[in-house]
Amino acid sequence: MMRCIAIDDELLVRELLEDSIRQVPFLQLVKTCKNAIEAMEVMQQEPVDLIFLDIQMPKLTGLQFLRSLSQPPMVILVTAYEQYALEGFELRVVDYLLKPFSFERFLKACNHAYELFRLQHKVAETPKDFFVYVEYVQVKIVVADIEYIEGLKDYIKIYLSSSTKPVLTRMTMKAMEEKLPPPAFIRTHKSFLVAAKKITAVKRDLVVIGDKEIPVSEFYKENVTRILNLSKG
């Protein structure tokens, strides 16, 4: 369950947001607020996982409010002006709703946020280490040492920070991905699984780990962007 607040200076929009939120089973409405100051007071008293945030408000705009938060929760912008929504993505906003919005579009934004929320709560499930077979010998792999994994049909290569030679073991990428869930590890390509914290740079179709470049396919590009935004939080 995600605890959320809705902030908008227009009563009709607040009522629409409240009604929409109550129809989504994984959302729990904490409060609707008519301005950012009121929202600050609520957030000092209650835990909040998600904010539905208007941009154009008196005294303090939505973006000014967002910049003032040292550890902001996830945010879905609610605005009549698309150019402000684009600016919001620089602040790692999850999604934006252009007024007037349909319930279908609202639900899509909520599902996006909920996906990230569930990924965030999977971090603790990542093991500290595990064993793999290498030529009939069980070899210990320390998860924090993994840079990335390359799939080769029924085998995988595990590239480690502590070794110039990868560990070759018989295992599928699917099995390894289940062992190393996001956001700690990111599937960038059907043949590559990458440790998010090891990434030193991101290019158009590549992620970089030191002097190594790992491809990002079109299919996984949006997922990579979402999880990298999350892991910076």
Protein backbone atom coordinates (compact mmCIF):
# COMPACT_ATOMS: atom_id res chain seq x y z
CA MET A 1 0.00 0.00 0.00
CA MET A 2 1.33 3.43 -0.99
CA ARG A 3 0.49 6.39 1.24
CA CYS A 4 -0.12 9.52 -0.82
CA ILE A 5 -1.15 13.17 -0.64
CA ALA A 6 -2.63 15.39 -3.34
CA ILE A 7 -1.65 19.07 -3.56
CA ASP A 8 -3.61 21.49 -5.77
CA ASP A 9 -5.03 24.96 -5.21
CA GLU A 10 -8.15 24.16 -7.27
CA LEU A 11 -10.95 22.52 -5.30
CA LEU A 12 -12.36 20.67 -8.32
CA VAL A 13 -8.97 19.14 -9.11
CA ARG A 14 -8.47 18.09 -5.47
CA GLU A 15 -11.88 16.41 -5.52
CA LEU A 16 -11.06 14.66 -8.81
CA LEU A 17 -7.73 13.44 -7.44
CA GLU A 18 -9.34 12.26 -4.21
CA ASP A 19 -12.02 10.33 -6.10
CA SER A 20 -9.44 8.80 -8.46
CA ILE A 21 -7.09 7.81 -5.63
CA ARG A 22 -9.88 6.02 -3.77
CA GLN A 23 -10.51 3.83 -6.83
CA VAL A 24 -6.92 2.52 -6.91
CA PRO A 25 -6.54 -0.45 -4.52
CA PHE A 26 -2.83 0.06 -3.76
CA LEU A 27 -3.19 3.77 -2.85
CA GLN A 28 -4.09 5.13 0.58
CA LEU A 29 -4.97 8.83 0.69
CA VAL A 30 -3.42 10.59 3.67
CA LYS A 31 -4.76 14.07 2.90
CA THR A 32 -5.57 16.55 0.15
CA CYS A 33 -3.84 19.93 0.49
CA LYS A 34 -4.59 23.27 -1.14
CA ASN A 35 -0.99 24.52 -1.07
CA ALA A 36 2.60 23.43 -0.48
CA ILE A 37 2.79 24.89 3.04
CA GLU A 38 -0.12 22.77 4.18
CA ALA A 39 1.54 19.73 2.57
CA MET A 40 4.78 20.39 4.47
CA GLU A 41 2.87 20.27 7.75
CA VAL A 42 1.28 16.95 6.79
CA MET A 43 4.61 15.43 5.76
CA GLN A 44 6.15 16.37 9.10
CA GLN A 45 3.50 14.27 10.83
CA GLU A 46 2.78 11.42 8.40
CA PRO A 47 4.91 9.13 6.19
CA VAL A 48 4.22 9.74 2.50
CA ASP A 49 5.30 7.52 -0.41
CA LEU A 50 3.77 9.48 -3.30
CA ILE A 51 2.72 13.08 -3.99
CA PHE A 52 0.30 14.24 -6.68
CA LEU A 53 1.65 17.75 -7.14
CA ASP A 54 0.23 20.78 -8.94
CA ILE A 55 2.84 23.14 -10.36
CA GLN A 56 1.14 26.54 -10.59
CA MET A 57 0.23 27.47 -7.02
CA PRO A 58 0.43 30.78 -5.09
CA LYS A 59 3.32 31.59 -2.71
CA LEU A 60 5.26 28.41 -3.47
CA THR A 61 5.05 26.58 -6.81
CA GLY A 62 5.08 22.82 -7.01
CA LEU A 63 8.61 22.73 -8.41
CA GLN A 64 9.89 25.13 -5.72
CA PHE A 65 8.28 22.91 -3.10
CA LEU A 66 9.86 19.82 -4.64
CA ARG A 67 13.32 21.42 -4.66
CA SER A 68 12.93 22.31 -0.98
CA LEU A 69 12.61 18.65 0.07
CA SER A 70 15.88 17.00 1.09
CA GLN A 71 14.50 13.48 0.55
CA PRO A 72 11.38 13.80 -1.60
CA PRO A 73 9.05 10.84 -2.05
CA MET A 74 7.94 9.85 -5.53
CA VAL A 75 6.06 12.60 -7.35
CA ILE A 76 3.46 12.67 -10.12
CA LEU A 77 3.04 16.20 -11.46
CA VAL A 78 -0.45 17.49 -12.21
CA THR A 79 -0.38 20.46 -14.57
CA ALA A 80 -2.07 22.22 -17.46
CA TYR A 81 1.29 23.20 -18.95
CA GLU A 82 3.40 20.52 -20.61
CA GLN A 83 6.60 22.61 -20.57
CA TYR A 84 6.60 22.58 -16.76
CA ALA A 85 6.15 18.83 -16.77
CA LEU A 86 9.29 18.42 -18.86
CA GLU A 87 11.21 20.56 -16.37
CA GLY A 88 9.95 18.28 -13.62
CA PHE A 89 11.71 15.27 -15.12
CA GLU A 90 15.02 16.94 -14.25
CA LEU A 91 13.91 16.54 -10.63
CA ARG A 92 13.34 12.79 -11.18
CA VAL A 93 9.55 13.05 -11.23
CA VAL A 94 7.91 9.66 -11.84
CA ASP A 95 5.26 10.87 -14.31
CA TYR A 96 3.00 13.80 -15.09
CA LEU A 97 -0.71 14.27 -15.72
CA LEU A 98 -1.86 16.99 -18.09
CA LYS A 99 -5.14 18.60 -17.03
CA PRO A 100 -7.79 17.53 -17.80
CA PHE A 101 -6.74 13.89 -17.43
CA SER A 102 -8.73 10.68 -17.77
CA PHE A 103 -8.87 7.97 -15.13
CA GLU A 104 -7.10 5.66 -17.59
CA ARG A 105 -4.14 8.05 -17.79
CA PHE A 106 -4.22 8.54 -14.01
CA LEU A 107 -4.10 4.78 -13.45
CA LYS A 108 -1.19 4.40 -15.87
CA ALA A 109 0.83 6.96 -13.88
CA CYS A 110 -0.08 5.22 -10.61
CA ASN A 111 0.97 1.82 -11.95
CA HIS A 112 4.30 3.32 -12.98
CA ALA A 113 4.83 4.68 -9.46
CA TYR A 114 3.74 1.40 -7.86
CA GLU A 115 6.19 -0.56 -10.00
CA LEU A 116 9.03 1.62 -8.71
CA PHE A 117 7.70 1.35 -5.16
CA ARG A 118 7.78 -2.46 -5.33
CA LEU A 119 11.27 -2.43 -6.83
CA GLN A 120 12.45 -0.17 -4.03
CA HIS A 121 11.21 -2.65 -1.45
CA LYS A 122 13.00 -5.56 -3.11
CA VAL A 123 16.46 -4.21 -2.28
CA ALA A 124 16.68 -6.19 0.96
CA GLU A 125 16.11 -9.44 -0.94
CA THR A 126 19.46 -9.23 -2.74
CA PRO A 127 21.84 -11.81 -1.20
CA LYS A 128 25.31 -10.82 0.03
CA ASP A 129 26.90 -13.79 -1.74
CA PHE A 130 26.10 -17.08 -3.47
CA PHE A 131 27.89 -20.08 -4.96
CA VAL A 132 28.16 -21.16 -8.60
CA TYR A 133 29.73 -24.22 -10.18
CA VAL A 134 32.95 -23.67 -12.13
CA GLU A 135 34.28 -26.91 -13.60
CA TYR A 136 32.61 -29.03 -10.88
CA VAL A 137 33.87 -26.78 -8.08
CA GLN A 138 31.58 -24.44 -6.12
CA VAL A 139 32.97 -20.91 -6.23
CA LYS A 140 31.74 -18.14 -3.93
CA ILE A 141 30.57 -14.93 -5.63
CA VAL A 142 30.35 -11.79 -3.48
CA VAL A 143 27.45 -9.71 -4.82
CA ALA A 144 29.14 -6.38 -4.04
CA ASP A 145 32.06 -7.47 -6.25
CA ILE A 146 29.89 -8.01 -9.36
CA GLU A 147 30.17 -5.40 -12.12
CA TYR A 148 27.98 -7.04 -14.74
CA ILE A 149 26.87 -10.39 -16.13
CA GLU A 150 26.87 -11.50 -19.74
CA GLY A 151 24.57 -14.24 -21.00
CA LEU A 152 25.80 -16.87 -23.47
CA LYS A 153 22.86 -19.21 -24.14
CA ASP A 154 23.06 -21.76 -21.30
CA TYR A 155 26.10 -20.14 -19.69
CA ILE A 156 26.84 -16.78 -18.11
CA LYS A 157 30.02 -14.80 -17.52
CA ILE A 158 30.21 -12.95 -14.20
CA TYR A 159 32.57 -9.96 -14.37
CA LEU A 160 34.04 -8.97 -11.00
CA SER A 161 35.85 -5.85 -9.79
CA SER A 162 38.47 -8.02 -8.10
CA SER A 163 39.40 -10.07 -11.17
CA THR A 164 40.35 -9.42 -14.79
CA LYS A 165 38.99 -12.83 -15.78
CA PRO A 166 35.21 -13.44 -15.68
CA VAL A 167 33.70 -16.44 -13.91
CA LEU A 168 32.06 -18.79 -16.43
CA THR A 169 29.23 -20.95 -15.08
CA ARG A 170 26.27 -22.90 -16.44
CA MET A 171 23.19 -20.82 -15.61
CA THR A 172 20.52 -18.88 -17.50
CA MET A 173 20.17 -15.10 -17.39
CA LYS A 174 16.62 -15.52 -16.11
CA ALA A 175 17.83 -17.53 -13.11
CA MET A 176 20.52 -14.97 -12.35
CA GLU A 177 18.07 -12.06 -12.69
CA GLU A 178 15.79 -13.73 -10.13
CA LYS A 179 18.75 -14.05 -7.77
CA LEU A 180 19.80 -10.41 -8.27
CA PRO A 181 16.60 -8.31 -8.49
CA PRO A 182 16.31 -4.61 -9.37
CA PRO A 183 17.02 -1.88 -8.51
CA ALA A 184 20.41 -3.22 -7.34
CA PHE A 185 20.83 -4.95 -10.72
CA ILE A 186 19.45 -3.75 -14.04
CA ARG A 187 18.71 -5.75 -17.18
CA THR A 188 20.03 -3.52 -19.97
CA HIS A 189 19.87 -6.06 -22.78
CA LYS A 190 18.74 -9.65 -23.27
CA SER A 191 22.40 -10.63 -22.76
CA PHE A 192 23.45 -8.22 -19.99
CA LEU A 193 22.62 -7.66 -16.32
CA VAL A 194 24.44 -4.72 -14.70
CA ALA A 195 25.14 -3.67 -11.09
CA ALA A 196 23.55 -0.22 -10.79
CA LYS A 197 26.10 1.12 -8.28
CA LYS A 198 28.99 0.19 -10.56
CA ILE A 199 27.75 2.37 -13.43
CA THR A 200 30.04 5.37 -13.92
CA ALA A 201 28.38 6.95 -16.97
CA VAL A 202 25.33 6.62 -19.20
CA LYS A 203 25.39 7.20 -22.94
CA ARG A 204 22.59 7.05 -25.49
CA ASP A 205 22.67 3.28 -26.01
CA LEU A 206 25.30 2.28 -23.46
CA VAL A 207 26.07 2.21 -19.77
CA VAL A 208 29.70 2.51 -18.73
CA ILE A 209 31.54 0.73 -15.92
CA GLY A 210 35.10 2.05 -15.78
CA ASP A 211 36.51 1.43 -19.26
CA LYS A 212 33.83 -1.13 -20.18
CA GLU A 213 30.77 -0.26 -22.26
CA ILE A 214 27.63 -2.39 -21.93
CA PRO A 215 24.83 -2.08 -24.52
CA VAL A 216 21.33 -0.88 -23.68
CA SER A 217 18.73 -2.23 -26.10
CA GLU A 218 15.65 -0.29 -27.12
CA PHE A 219 13.43 -2.81 -25.34
CA TYR A 220 15.10 -2.21 -21.94
CA LYS A 221 15.89 1.51 -22.30
CA GLU A 222 12.84 2.84 -20.44
CA ASN A 223 13.33 0.33 -17.63
CA VAL A 224 17.00 1.32 -17.28
CA THR A 225 16.05 5.00 -17.01
CA ARG A 226 13.42 4.34 -14.35
CA ILE A 227 15.64 2.21 -12.14
CA LEU A 228 18.67 4.48 -12.43
CA ASN A 229 16.51 7.42 -11.37
CA LEU A 230 15.33 5.38 -8.41
CA SER A 231 18.76 4.19 -7.37
CA LYS A 232 20.03 7.78 -7.12
CA GLY A 233 17.50 8.52 -4.40
